[in-house]
Amino acid sequence: MNGTEIPQIDVPFSFTRRPRPIPPDLRPDWRVSVLLLILYYSRGHKVSLRKLNVINWAIRSADNREVLLDYLLNKTQSYGIVIRFEPGIIRAIDLAKGYKLVEMEYGTPSGIKLTAKGAETAKKINNLSDCFEKEREFLINIKPHVKEKDISVLLNWEN
């Protein structure tokens, strides 16, 4: 036996390496689109990096969306809510900056805001009827309730 035949059926075989699919929430185009939507629904089309990371964490799963919305609406205790700061959002920011869709604002707190080109792109994404439905609904629901002070308390940066 030379290693490429199965003696019982005497048929040659080979292995072909196939690409693995990437989950949608790890795809750069999905992340940049969600980043633009987060900024589009934020007051003044800008957001602090802390708030961006919290919303990005929440928007990735239904459970996280429910937990953050409950915290913001009902002012429940933040104990047990573990926010994951993901490097993927930083890569999305870098890509969006490269395409001149966003720009950084330095100050207290430092943040990120949409450029005119970014606002136009975000508006087009927002008007799509066949994608980002859950994300848009979540952003609309939290928009009037998400405040910098609540984010600081959630992250235990302020009591």
Protein backbone atom coordinates (compact mmCIF):
# COMPACT_ATOMS: atom_id res chain seq x y z
CA MET A 1 0.00 0.00 0.00
CA ASN A 2 1.48 3.35 -1.04
CA GLY A 3 -0.66 5.51 1.25
CA THR A 4 -3.07 6.78 -1.40
CA GLU A 5 -5.26 3.70 -1.72
CA ILE A 6 -7.69 1.99 0.61
CA PRO A 7 -6.98 -1.74 0.21
CA GLN A 8 -10.55 -2.82 0.99
CA ILE A 9 -12.06 -0.89 -1.91
CA ASP A 10 -8.91 -0.36 -3.99
CA VAL A 11 -9.78 3.26 -4.92
CA PRO A 12 -7.22 6.07 -4.91
CA PHE A 13 -8.01 9.10 -2.77
CA SER A 14 -6.48 12.44 -1.95
CA PHE A 15 -7.00 15.27 0.51
CA THR A 16 -7.69 18.76 -0.71
CA ARG A 17 -7.32 21.65 1.70
CA ARG A 18 -10.42 23.84 1.53
CA PRO A 19 -10.80 27.36 2.87
CA ARG A 20 -12.73 27.67 6.10
CA PRO A 21 -15.69 30.02 6.19
CA ILE A 22 -15.26 33.07 8.40
CA PRO A 23 -18.16 33.80 10.77
CA PRO A 24 -19.98 36.99 9.70
CA ASP A 25 -19.11 38.94 12.84
CA LEU A 26 -15.39 38.47 12.13
CA ARG A 27 -15.56 39.65 8.53
CA PRO A 28 -14.01 43.09 8.02
CA ASP A 29 -16.85 44.32 5.79
CA TRP A 30 -19.44 43.40 8.45
CA ARG A 31 -17.41 45.08 11.20
CA VAL A 32 -16.89 48.30 9.24
CA SER A 33 -20.58 48.42 8.35
CA VAL A 34 -21.59 47.95 11.99
CA LEU A 35 -19.06 50.58 13.06
CA LEU A 36 -20.62 53.05 10.62
CA LEU A 37 -24.13 52.21 11.87
CA ILE A 38 -23.08 52.69 15.50
CA LEU A 39 -21.69 56.11 14.64
CA TYR A 40 -24.71 56.95 12.46
CA TYR A 41 -27.08 56.35 15.39
CA SER A 42 -24.88 58.16 17.91
CA ARG A 43 -25.49 61.76 18.89
CA GLY A 44 -23.53 64.04 16.56
CA HIS A 45 -22.33 60.97 14.62
CA LYS A 46 -19.53 60.51 17.14
CA VAL A 47 -18.86 58.20 20.06
CA SER A 48 -16.18 57.66 22.70
CA LEU A 49 -13.97 54.62 22.34
CA ARG A 50 -15.34 53.24 25.63
CA LYS A 51 -18.93 53.51 24.44
CA LEU A 52 -17.99 52.09 21.03
CA ASN A 53 -16.44 49.01 22.62
CA VAL A 54 -19.47 48.41 24.86
CA ILE A 55 -21.95 48.77 21.99
CA ASN A 56 -19.76 46.60 19.76
CA TRP A 57 -19.74 43.89 22.45
CA ALA A 58 -23.51 44.07 22.82
CA ILE A 59 -24.39 44.15 19.14
CA ARG A 60 -22.66 40.84 18.41
CA SER A 61 -25.26 38.59 20.07
CA ALA A 62 -28.91 38.64 21.06
CA ASP A 63 -28.05 37.81 24.68
CA ASN A 64 -25.58 40.68 24.93
CA ARG A 65 -28.07 43.08 23.34
CA GLU A 66 -30.69 42.05 25.87
CA VAL A 67 -28.29 42.44 28.83
CA LEU A 68 -27.15 45.93 27.80
CA LEU A 69 -30.67 47.11 26.99
CA ASP A 70 -31.91 45.83 30.37
CA TYR A 71 -29.05 47.62 32.13
CA LEU A 72 -29.72 50.91 30.31
CA LEU A 73 -33.51 50.87 30.60
CA ASN A 74 -33.96 49.43 34.08
CA LYS A 75 -30.70 50.61 35.66
CA THR A 76 -30.09 47.06 36.88
CA GLN A 77 -26.89 46.22 38.67
CA SER A 78 -23.87 45.93 36.42
CA TYR A 79 -22.42 43.05 38.45
CA GLY A 80 -21.95 40.02 36.30
CA ILE A 81 -21.85 41.91 33.02
CA VAL A 82 -18.48 41.18 31.47
CA ILE A 83 -17.63 43.42 28.53
CA ARG A 84 -15.09 42.07 26.05
CA PHE A 85 -12.96 44.65 24.29
CA GLU A 86 -12.25 43.06 20.94
CA PRO A 87 -9.30 43.89 18.71
CA GLY A 88 -11.52 43.39 15.66
CA ILE A 89 -13.22 46.75 16.21
CA ILE A 90 -9.82 48.47 16.20
CA ARG A 91 -9.06 46.85 12.84
CA ALA A 92 -12.43 48.06 11.57
CA ILE A 93 -11.60 51.59 12.73
CA ASP A 94 -8.26 51.39 10.93
CA LEU A 95 -9.95 50.22 7.72
CA ALA A 96 -12.61 52.92 7.97
CA LYS A 97 -9.92 55.55 8.59
CA GLY A 98 -8.05 54.30 5.53
CA TYR A 99 -11.17 54.76 3.41
CA LYS A 100 -11.72 58.20 5.01
CA LEU A 101 -15.08 57.16 6.47
CA VAL A 102 -14.16 58.09 10.05
CA GLU A 103 -11.70 60.29 11.87
CA MET A 104 -10.35 60.29 15.39
CA GLU A 105 -11.11 63.00 17.91
CA TYR A 106 -8.61 63.45 20.68
CA GLY A 107 -9.65 64.93 23.98
CA THR A 108 -11.63 63.89 27.01
CA PRO A 109 -12.91 61.37 26.18
CA SER A 110 -11.15 60.44 22.97
CA GLY A 111 -13.47 59.17 20.32
CA ILE A 112 -14.28 58.62 16.73
CA LYS A 113 -16.67 60.39 14.36
CA LEU A 114 -18.08 59.98 10.90
CA THR A 115 -16.72 62.06 8.06
CA ALA A 116 -19.10 63.39 5.38
CA LYS A 117 -18.17 60.40 3.21
CA GLY A 118 -18.75 58.07 6.18
CA ALA A 119 -22.16 59.59 6.92
CA GLU A 120 -23.19 59.11 3.29
CA THR A 121 -22.03 55.48 3.36
CA ALA A 122 -23.73 54.85 6.71
CA LYS A 123 -26.98 56.28 5.35
CA LYS A 124 -26.81 53.87 2.39
CA ILE A 125 -26.17 50.93 4.74
CA ASN A 126 -29.02 52.06 6.98
CA ASN A 127 -31.42 52.17 4.02
CA LEU A 128 -30.75 48.55 3.07
CA SER A 129 -33.87 46.55 3.88
CA ASP A 130 -32.41 43.06 3.75
CA CYS A 131 -29.52 43.25 6.22
CA PHE A 132 -28.51 44.68 9.61
CA GLU A 133 -32.14 44.59 10.77
CA LYS A 134 -31.41 43.41 14.32
CA GLU A 135 -28.46 45.75 14.63
CA ARG A 136 -30.51 48.77 13.54
CA GLU A 137 -33.37 47.88 15.86
CA PHE A 138 -30.96 47.57 18.80
CA LEU A 139 -29.26 50.89 18.01
CA ILE A 140 -32.63 52.65 17.74
CA ASN A 141 -33.70 51.18 21.10
CA ILE A 142 -30.57 52.20 23.00
CA LYS A 143 -30.02 55.60 21.34
CA PRO A 144 -31.94 57.72 23.88
CA HIS A 145 -30.63 55.75 26.87
CA VAL A 146 -26.91 55.18 26.38
CA LYS A 147 -24.99 57.87 28.25
CA GLU A 148 -21.29 58.20 28.93
CA LYS A 149 -21.88 58.08 32.71
CA ASP A 150 -23.75 54.76 32.43
CA ILE A 151 -20.93 53.31 30.33
CA SER A 152 -18.36 54.44 32.91
CA VAL A 153 -20.37 52.82 35.72
CA LEU A 154 -20.79 49.64 33.67
CA LEU A 155 -17.03 49.47 33.12
CA ASN A 156 -16.42 50.19 36.84
CA TRP A 157 -14.53 53.36 35.96
CA GLU A 158 -16.87 55.46 38.05
CA ASN A 159 -19.16 54.70 40.96
